[in-house]
């Protein structure tokens, strides 16, 4: 469960920005947060902003940090860190490291704080703290610029982790290296990065591969029933679907295809068709099949999003989807977000973080003030800032949608109309 994410010096983000899922003292909409001990943890966040304001860079920062952790052990000595992209419009920042920090609760129920800073060449700093009580305990701290590069606060941890230090390299994260050597103190946080949080955008190229694997492994048919239910709730005239996969030579041109990693030898071909029940004039019902790529973009996106949603509800993971509402009707967007506030469906405390232009969500009967974030970019400095509606303290009766479109909260485009077509 994600409690907070912060990033500094990444793409259009120069100064540190913080995305917090720790709720305020507001008691409204109690289904929109989980009560964990004395804390309110939000189950969804919606991020708004003009085009090119930097919304996607929040999601790219999450992705960059997560992939840097996941792929750390695959990195060869001297290999650069490909996901580090510092703020480019400043001669100082471009030479400074990018900083990431996560505050989260792993599957073992322990709260952790993990962060690192890095250039494209190496890791600069890294740290992991655990809250086994009200006070944080240090598992390790790392500073490549210091004389004593690694610090452990207990002799027991020092004896266990010191031998692993020698096996780590400057371009690898110690969290991943220690986990690969079966250090139990870092296993739970590493596993959270591996499967407890995932990022996507609504384009098929990021949803297709993981969704197809889940459709392929749907041996008990539960995913099919879940997907059909989602399509029915979206009022899409699809009664069933067929999903087939096989290995093919690369010269085949299927409806959908995913290349295997490595050499161009074999690929997987997926043939997916939707079944439509059509009522004829005489009242009889006939079934017709249509290839999925002949359906609307919204139907395709919803189909491939369904396995992602189902897995999240089963595992309690945090899913982050950029441009969540592409090709989706506003009422459907509201419905999907509402699933995360439904305790009957979201039994395992899954979370959803999205970017969106669906202003119908700007309604304090749907989302709390602390669930609504804005991204705004300065036209002068090209810097993006992130802030919550909660900072404005609007009244619950206020028309937030209208106030946003009028520019009260920033984060809307300034349309220049005069002379546009001269």
Protein backbone atom coordinates (compact mmCIF):
# COMPACT_ATOMS: atom_id res chain seq x y z
CA UNK A 1 0.00 0.00 0.00
CA UNK A 2 1.48 3.32 -1.09
CA UNK A 3 1.41 6.11 1.48
CA UNK A 4 3.57 8.72 -0.25
CA UNK A 5 5.77 9.23 -3.29
CA UNK A 6 8.12 12.13 -3.91
CA UNK A 7 10.47 13.02 -6.75
CA UNK A 8 12.93 15.80 -7.46
CA UNK A 9 14.88 16.77 -10.58
CA UNK A 10 13.13 14.54 -13.09
CA UNK A 11 12.05 15.73 -16.55
CA UNK A 12 9.84 18.83 -16.00
CA UNK A 13 9.97 18.39 -12.21
CA UNK A 14 12.82 20.52 -10.84
CA UNK A 15 11.92 21.01 -7.19
CA UNK A 16 10.64 18.22 -4.97
CA UNK A 17 6.95 17.32 -5.40
CA UNK A 18 4.99 15.05 -3.09
CA UNK A 19 2.01 12.83 -3.89
CA UNK A 20 0.46 11.76 -0.60
CA UNK A 21 -2.17 9.09 -0.07
CA UNK A 22 -2.34 9.78 3.64
CA UNK A 23 -5.71 11.40 4.17
CA UNK A 24 -6.43 14.55 6.11
CA UNK A 25 -8.56 14.73 9.25
CA UNK A 26 -11.65 15.17 7.04
CA UNK A 27 -14.17 12.45 7.92
CA UNK A 28 -16.27 12.78 4.75
CA UNK A 29 -16.67 9.89 2.30
CA UNK A 30 -15.45 7.21 4.69
CA UNK A 31 -15.48 4.55 1.94
CA UNK A 32 -12.77 6.53 0.12
CA UNK A 33 -10.07 5.67 2.62
CA UNK A 34 -8.79 2.73 4.65
CA UNK A 35 -8.37 3.14 8.37
CA UNK A 36 -4.91 1.76 9.17
CA UNK A 37 -4.23 2.13 12.89
CA UNK A 38 -4.78 5.87 13.41
CA UNK A 39 -4.14 6.85 9.78
CA UNK A 40 -6.51 7.34 6.86
CA UNK A 41 -5.01 5.90 3.66
CA UNK A 42 -6.75 6.98 0.46
CA UNK A 43 -7.85 4.31 -2.00
CA UNK A 44 -7.71 6.56 -5.07
CA UNK A 45 -6.13 9.76 -6.36
CA UNK A 46 -7.10 11.74 -9.47
CA UNK A 47 -4.54 14.11 -10.99
CA UNK A 48 -5.71 16.95 -13.24
CA UNK A 49 -3.81 19.40 -15.41
CA UNK A 50 -3.53 21.00 -18.81
CA UNK A 51 -1.87 19.24 -21.71
CA UNK A 52 1.94 19.32 -21.39
CA UNK A 53 1.68 20.41 -17.76
CA UNK A 54 3.70 17.45 -16.51
CA UNK A 55 1.01 14.99 -15.41
CA UNK A 56 2.61 12.16 -17.34
CA UNK A 57 5.98 12.96 -15.77
CA UNK A 58 4.58 12.01 -12.36
CA UNK A 59 3.75 8.58 -13.76
CA UNK A 60 7.04 8.37 -15.66
CA UNK A 61 8.86 9.16 -12.40
CA UNK A 62 7.01 6.33 -10.64
CA UNK A 63 7.86 4.01 -13.52
CA UNK A 64 11.52 5.09 -13.62
CA UNK A 65 11.99 4.46 -9.91
CA UNK A 66 10.19 1.11 -9.92
CA UNK A 67 12.07 -0.19 -12.97
CA UNK A 68 15.39 0.99 -11.57
CA UNK A 69 14.70 -1.23 -8.55
CA UNK A 70 13.35 -4.19 -10.53
CA UNK A 71 16.16 -4.27 -13.08
CA UNK A 72 19.02 -3.43 -10.74
CA UNK A 73 20.41 -6.97 -10.53
CA UNK A 74 20.45 -7.24 -14.34
CA UNK A 75 22.72 -4.23 -14.69
CA UNK A 76 26.30 -4.92 -15.75
CA UNK A 77 29.31 -3.09 -14.31
CA UNK A 78 29.64 0.30 -15.99
CA UNK A 79 26.17 0.12 -17.57
CA UNK A 80 24.26 3.44 -17.31
CA UNK A 81 20.93 3.89 -15.54
CA UNK A 82 18.57 4.43 -18.49
CA UNK A 83 15.53 5.85 -16.68
CA UNK A 84 17.22 8.84 -15.03
CA UNK A 85 16.25 12.08 -16.80
CA UNK A 86 17.12 15.24 -14.84
CA UNK A 87 15.47 18.62 -15.41
CA UNK A 88 17.01 19.85 -18.66
CA UNK A 89 16.38 23.62 -18.54
CA UNK A 90 18.88 24.42 -15.83
CA UNK A 91 22.66 24.10 -16.09
CA UNK A 92 22.96 23.10 -12.42
CA UNK A 93 20.05 20.64 -12.22
CA UNK A 94 21.13 18.67 -15.26
CA UNK A 95 24.33 17.76 -13.41
CA UNK A 96 22.58 16.94 -10.14
CA UNK A 97 21.11 13.53 -9.22
CA UNK A 98 17.43 12.68 -9.53
CA UNK A 99 15.78 11.83 -6.21
CA UNK A 100 12.96 9.36 -5.48
CA UNK A 101 11.31 8.36 -2.21
CA UNK A 102 8.51 5.91 -1.38
CA UNK A 103 6.64 5.48 1.89
CA UNK A 104 4.63 2.25 1.84
CA UNK A 105 3.27 -0.68 3.79
CA UNK A 106 4.58 -4.02 2.53
CA UNK A 107 2.74 -7.33 2.67
CA UNK A 108 4.26 -8.09 6.07
CA UNK A 109 2.30 -5.12 7.48
CA UNK A 110 5.42 -3.06 8.21
CA UNK A 111 5.72 0.56 7.09
CA UNK A 112 8.91 1.38 5.18
CA UNK A 113 10.60 4.49 3.84
CA UNK A 114 12.86 3.79 0.87
CA UNK A 115 14.61 6.32 -1.30
CA UNK A 116 17.56 6.78 -3.60
CA UNK A 117 19.20 9.45 -5.70
CA UNK A 118 21.06 8.72 -8.90
CA UNK A 119 22.70 10.17 -11.96
CA UNK A 120 22.77 8.38 -15.29
CA UNK A 121 26.09 6.87 -14.24
CA UNK A 122 25.65 5.76 -10.64
CA UNK A 123 23.62 5.61 -7.45
CA UNK A 124 24.56 8.53 -5.19
CA UNK A 125 22.51 7.91 -2.03
CA UNK A 126 20.15 5.18 -0.88
CA UNK A 127 18.35 4.40 2.37
CA UNK A 128 15.78 2.06 3.89
CA UNK A 129 13.96 2.63 7.19
CA UNK A 130 11.40 0.37 8.85
CA UNK A 131 8.67 1.32 11.34
CA UNK A 132 8.47 -1.73 13.58
CA UNK A 133 7.27 0.67 16.29
CA UNK A 134 6.26 4.34 16.30
CA UNK A 135 9.89 5.22 15.63
CA UNK A 136 11.77 4.43 12.43
CA UNK A 137 14.74 2.09 12.60
CA UNK A 138 17.53 2.25 10.03
CA UNK A 139 18.11 -0.90 8.00
CA UNK A 140 20.82 0.75 5.91
CA UNK A 141 22.02 4.11 4.65
CA UNK A 142 24.35 4.56 1.70
CA UNK A 143 26.24 7.62 0.55
CA UNK A 144 28.76 7.16 -2.26
CA UNK A 145 30.18 10.65 -1.61
CA UNK A 146 31.10 9.90 2.02
CA UNK A 147 34.25 8.27 3.36
CA UNK A 148 32.18 5.61 5.09
CA UNK A 149 29.77 4.76 2.31
CA UNK A 150 27.45 2.36 4.16
CA UNK A 151 25.91 2.72 7.59
CA UNK A 152 24.03 0.14 9.67
CA UNK A 153 22.66 1.03 13.11
CA UNK A 154 22.78 -2.42 14.69
CA UNK A 155 25.75 -4.74 15.03
CA UNK A 156 23.57 -7.65 13.95
CA UNK A 157 22.63 -5.94 10.68
CA UNK A 158 26.19 -4.78 10.17
CA UNK A 159 27.49 -8.35 10.46
CA UNK A 160 24.85 -9.58 8.03
CA UNK A 161 25.00 -6.81 5.41
CA UNK A 162 28.69 -5.85 5.40
CA UNK A 163 29.73 -8.87 3.31
CA UNK A 164 27.08 -7.94 0.72
CA UNK A 165 28.50 -4.41 0.37
CA UNK A 166 31.51 -5.82 -1.45
CA UNK A 167 29.22 -7.54 -3.94
CA UNK A 168 27.37 -4.34 -4.82
CA UNK A 169 28.49 -1.89 -7.53
CA UNK A 170 27.99 1.85 -7.87
CA UNK A 171 25.31 1.42 -10.55
CA UNK A 172 23.25 -1.08 -8.55
CA UNK A 173 20.79 -0.54 -5.71
CA UNK A 174 21.83 -2.15 -2.45
CA UNK A 175 18.18 -3.04 -1.76
CA UNK A 176 18.12 -5.35 -4.78
CA UNK A 177 21.61 -6.74 -4.19
CA UNK A 178 20.92 -7.58 -0.54
CA UNK A 179 17.59 -9.21 -1.47
CA UNK A 180 19.35 -11.39 -4.05
CA UNK A 181 21.56 -12.64 -1.20
CA UNK A 182 18.48 -13.57 0.85
CA UNK A 183 18.69 -10.78 3.41
CA UNK A 184 15.32 -11.10 5.12
CA UNK A 185 15.31 -7.47 6.34
CA UNK A 186 15.01 -6.19 2.76
CA UNK A 187 12.93 -9.00 1.21
CA UNK A 188 9.48 -7.55 1.95
CA UNK A 189 10.29 -4.06 0.58
CA UNK A 190 11.88 -5.54 -2.55
CA UNK A 191 8.85 -7.76 -3.14
CA UNK A 192 6.59 -4.71 -2.82
CA UNK A 193 8.48 -3.05 -5.66
CA UNK A 194 8.28 -6.24 -7.70
CA UNK A 195 4.52 -6.78 -7.43
CA UNK A 196 2.89 -4.36 -4.98
CA UNK A 197 2.83 -1.39 -7.34
CA UNK A 198 2.49 -1.21 -11.12
CA UNK A 199 2.27 1.63 -13.63
CA UNK A 200 0.48 1.78 -16.97
CA UNK A 201 -0.85 4.23 -19.46
CA UNK A 202 -4.14 3.64 -21.22
CA UNK A 203 -2.47 2.88 -24.53
CA UNK A 204 -2.71 -0.76 -25.58
CA UNK A 205 1.06 -1.19 -25.77
CA UNK A 206 1.40 -1.12 -21.97
CA UNK A 207 -1.84 -2.92 -21.10
CA UNK A 208 -1.72 -5.63 -23.75
CA UNK A 209 1.23 -7.76 -22.64
CA UNK A 210 0.36 -8.19 -18.92
CA UNK A 211 -3.36 -8.49 -19.64
CA UNK A 212 -2.85 -11.14 -22.32
CA UNK A 213 -0.79 -13.30 -19.97
CA UNK A 214 -3.59 -13.12 -17.41
CA UNK A 215 -6.25 -13.99 -20.00
CA UNK A 216 -4.08 -16.90 -21.10
CA UNK A 217 -3.86 -18.26 -17.52
CA UNK A 218 -7.58 -17.88 -16.79
CA UNK A 219 -8.04 -21.61 -16.17
CA UNK A 220 -11.02 -21.28 -13.84
CA UNK A 221 -12.89 -18.74 -15.96
CA UNK A 222 -13.06 -16.19 -13.14
CA UNK A 223 -11.34 -13.52 -15.22
CA UNK A 224 -13.80 -14.08 -18.05
CA UNK A 225 -16.74 -13.57 -15.71
CA UNK A 226 -15.15 -10.44 -14.22
CA UNK A 227 -14.42 -8.99 -17.68
CA UNK A 228 -17.92 -9.73 -18.96
CA UNK A 229 -19.35 -8.05 -15.87
CA UNK A 230 -17.21 -4.93 -16.47
CA UNK A 231 -18.36 -4.80 -20.11
CA UNK A 232 -22.01 -5.24 -19.09
CA UNK A 233 -21.74 -2.47 -16.52
CA UNK A 234 -20.31 -0.26 -19.26
CA UNK A 235 -23.46 -1.01 -21.29
CA UNK A 236 -21.41 -2.54 -24.11
CA UNK A 237 -23.33 -5.05 -26.22
CA UNK A 238 -20.93 -7.98 -25.72
CA UNK A 239 -22.24 -11.24 -24.30
CA UNK A 240 -19.01 -13.25 -24.38
CA UNK A 241 -15.56 -13.44 -25.96
CA UNK A 242 -13.05 -15.99 -27.18
CA UNK A 243 -9.32 -15.78 -26.47
CA UNK A 244 -6.80 -17.97 -28.27
CA UNK A 245 -3.00 -17.93 -28.35
CA UNK A 246 -0.31 -19.86 -30.21
CA UNK A 247 3.34 -19.56 -31.12
CA UNK A 248 3.95 -18.40 -34.69
CA UNK A 249 6.79 -17.45 -36.98
CA UNK A 250 7.54 -13.74 -37.13
CA UNK A 251 6.40 -13.37 -40.73
CA UNK A 252 2.81 -13.90 -39.63
CA UNK A 253 0.60 -10.81 -39.34
CA UNK A 254 -2.06 -11.56 -36.70
CA UNK A 255 -4.71 -9.37 -35.15
CA UNK A 256 -2.56 -8.83 -32.06
CA UNK A 257 1.00 -9.98 -31.60
CA UNK A 258 3.65 -9.78 -28.91
CA UNK A 259 7.27 -10.43 -29.82
CA UNK A 260 9.26 -12.76 -27.61
CA UNK A 261 12.26 -11.29 -25.84
CA UNK A 262 15.59 -11.96 -27.46
CA UNK A 263 16.10 -13.26 -30.99
CA UNK A 264 13.46 -13.02 -33.69
CA UNK A 265 12.56 -16.69 -33.61
CA UNK A 266 9.05 -17.20 -32.32
CA UNK A 267 6.27 -14.84 -31.32
CA UNK A 268 2.91 -15.32 -29.73
CA UNK A 269 -0.22 -14.66 -31.69
CA UNK A 270 -3.42 -13.78 -29.85
CA UNK A 271 -6.75 -13.97 -31.62
CA UNK A 272 -9.53 -12.32 -29.66
CA UNK A 273 -13.12 -11.95 -30.77
CA UNK A 274 -16.20 -10.46 -29.14
CA UNK A 275 -19.60 -12.14 -29.28
CA UNK A 276 -22.66 -9.95 -29.87
CA UNK A 277 -26.23 -11.16 -29.41
CA UNK A 278 -28.48 -9.39 -31.93
CA UNK A 279 -32.28 -9.43 -31.69
CA UNK A 280 -33.92 -9.86 -35.08
CA UNK A 281 -37.26 -8.43 -36.17
CA UNK A 282 -39.03 -11.70 -35.42
CA UNK A 283 -37.67 -11.71 -31.86
CA UNK A 284 -35.08 -14.42 -32.40
CA UNK A 285 -31.53 -13.90 -31.14
CA UNK A 286 -28.47 -14.53 -33.31
CA UNK A 287 -24.85 -14.43 -32.16
CA UNK A 288 -22.19 -12.68 -34.25
CA UNK A 289 -18.43 -12.51 -33.66
CA UNK A 290 -16.27 -9.46 -34.27
CA UNK A 291 -12.48 -9.25 -33.89
CA UNK A 292 -11.52 -7.14 -30.90
CA UNK A 293 -9.47 -4.77 -33.04
CA UNK A 294 -12.68 -3.99 -34.95
CA UNK A 295 -14.35 -2.81 -31.76
CA UNK A 296 -14.13 0.75 -30.45
CA UNK A 297 -10.93 1.96 -28.79
CA UNK A 298 -12.86 2.32 -25.54
CA UNK A 299 -13.96 -1.33 -25.68
CA UNK A 300 -10.41 -2.48 -26.41
CA UNK A 301 -9.01 -0.43 -23.56
CA UNK A 302 -11.66 -1.61 -21.10
CA UNK A 303 -11.11 -5.24 -22.13
CA UNK A 304 -7.36 -5.08 -21.44
CA UNK A 305 -7.84 -3.01 -18.29
CA UNK A 306 -10.15 -5.63 -16.74
CA UNK A 307 -7.41 -8.17 -15.79
CA UNK A 308 -5.36 -5.34 -14.25
CA UNK A 309 -8.32 -4.34 -12.08
CA UNK A 310 -9.18 -7.91 -11.08
CA UNK A 311 -5.59 -8.67 -10.02
CA UNK A 312 -5.44 -5.46 -8.00
CA UNK A 313 -8.61 -6.36 -6.10
CA UNK A 314 -7.18 -9.82 -5.39
CA UNK A 315 -3.66 -8.78 -4.36
CA UNK A 316 -4.26 -5.31 -2.92
CA UNK A 317 -1.68 -3.73 -5.20
CA UNK A 318 -1.42 -0.07 -6.15
CA UNK A 319 -2.05 0.59 -9.85
CA UNK A 320 -1.11 3.87 -11.50
CA UNK A 321 -2.69 4.63 -14.88
CA UNK A 322 -1.76 7.69 -16.90
CA UNK A 323 -4.51 9.10 -19.16
CA UNK A 324 -7.00 6.72 -17.60
CA UNK A 325 -9.98 8.20 -19.37
CA UNK A 326 -8.85 7.95 -23.01
CA UNK A 327 -11.87 6.77 -25.06
CA UNK A 328 -13.90 6.14 -21.89
CA UNK A 329 -17.22 7.87 -21.16
CA UNK A 330 -17.12 10.10 -18.03
CA UNK A 331 -19.83 7.99 -16.34
CA UNK A 332 -17.74 4.88 -16.91
CA UNK A 333 -14.64 6.58 -15.47
CA UNK A 334 -16.66 7.48 -12.36
CA UNK A 335 -17.93 3.91 -12.11
CA UNK A 336 -14.44 2.35 -12.34
CA UNK A 337 -13.02 4.67 -9.69
CA UNK A 338 -16.03 3.89 -7.52
CA UNK A 339 -15.06 0.20 -7.52
CA UNK A 340 -12.07 1.06 -5.33
CA UNK A 341 -14.41 2.66 -2.78
CA UNK A 342 -16.66 -0.39 -2.71
CA UNK A 343 -15.59 -2.52 0.29
CA UNK A 344 -17.44 -5.53 -1.12
CA UNK A 345 -15.27 -5.46 -4.26
CA UNK A 346 -12.07 -3.93 -2.93
CA UNK A 347 -11.62 -6.31 0.00
CA UNK A 348 -7.80 -6.29 -0.07
CA UNK A 349 -7.29 -2.51 -0.05
CA UNK A 350 -6.13 -1.94 -3.62
CA UNK A 351 -5.35 1.63 -4.66
CA UNK A 352 -5.80 3.53 -7.92
CA UNK A 353 -3.82 6.60 -9.03
CA UNK A 354 -4.84 8.18 -12.33
CA UNK A 355 -4.35 11.23 -14.45
CA UNK A 356 -7.52 12.45 -16.12
CA UNK A 357 -9.34 15.25 -17.91
CA UNK A 358 -12.75 14.00 -16.73
CA UNK A 359 -13.88 17.11 -14.88
CA UNK A 360 -17.04 15.32 -13.73
CA UNK A 361 -14.79 13.80 -11.06
CA UNK A 362 -14.34 17.27 -9.58
CA UNK A 363 -17.25 16.72 -7.27
CA UNK A 364 -16.86 16.58 -3.49
CA UNK A 365 -19.64 14.02 -3.26
CA UNK A 366 -17.44 11.62 -5.27
CA UNK A 367 -13.89 12.45 -4.19
CA UNK A 368 -12.48 14.08 -1.08
CA UNK A 369 -10.39 17.24 -1.33
CA UNK A 370 -7.24 15.27 -0.49
CA UNK A 371 -7.94 12.86 -3.37
CA UNK A 372 -7.75 15.59 -6.01
CA UNK A 373 -4.36 16.82 -7.25
CA UNK A 374 -3.35 19.36 -9.86
CA UNK A 375 -0.20 19.67 -11.96
CA UNK A 376 0.76 23.09 -13.28
CA UNK A 377 3.76 24.09 -15.39
CA UNK A 378 5.29 27.55 -15.42
CA UNK A 379 5.50 29.08 -18.90
CA UNK A 380 8.57 31.00 -17.76
CA UNK A 381 10.69 28.28 -16.15
CA UNK A 382 9.10 25.11 -17.66
CA UNK A 383 8.92 23.67 -14.12
CA UNK A 384 5.98 21.48 -13.06
CA UNK A 385 4.48 21.69 -9.60
CA UNK A 386 2.06 19.28 -7.94
CA UNK A 387 -0.46 20.30 -5.29
CA UNK A 388 -3.67 19.09 -3.71
CA UNK A 389 -7.12 20.65 -3.72
CA UNK A 390 -6.92 20.29 0.06
CA UNK A 391 -4.47 23.22 0.08
CA UNK A 392 -7.30 25.51 -1.08
CA UNK A 393 -9.79 24.36 1.61
CA UNK A 394 -12.91 24.76 -0.55
CA UNK A 395 -16.34 24.34 1.02
CA UNK A 396 -17.98 20.95 0.46
CA UNK A 397 -20.90 22.77 -1.18
CA UNK A 398 -18.66 24.63 -3.64
CA UNK A 399 -18.86 23.83 -7.37
CA UNK A 400 -15.29 22.54 -7.74
CA UNK A 401 -15.69 21.71 -11.43
CA UNK A 402 -16.75 25.28 -12.26
CA UNK A 403 -14.00 26.80 -10.11
CA UNK A 404 -11.39 24.61 -11.80
CA UNK A 405 -12.52 25.51 -15.33
CA UNK A 406 -12.46 29.19 -14.36
CA UNK A 407 -8.82 28.76 -13.36
CA UNK A 408 -9.15 29.18 -9.60
CA UNK A 409 -6.85 26.23 -8.93
CA UNK A 410 -4.51 26.83 -11.86
CA UNK A 411 -3.59 23.80 -13.95
CA UNK A 412 -5.79 24.79 -16.93
CA UNK A 413 -4.63 25.97 -20.36
CA UNK A 414 -4.71 29.66 -21.22
CA UNK A 415 -6.44 29.64 -24.58
CA UNK A 416 -5.47 32.54 -26.82
CA UNK A 417 -8.42 33.06 -29.15
CA UNK A 418 -7.74 36.38 -30.90
CA UNK A 419 -5.89 36.00 -34.16
CA UNK A 420 -5.73 32.22 -34.03
CA UNK A 421 -6.86 31.85 -37.62
CA UNK A 422 -5.50 35.08 -39.13
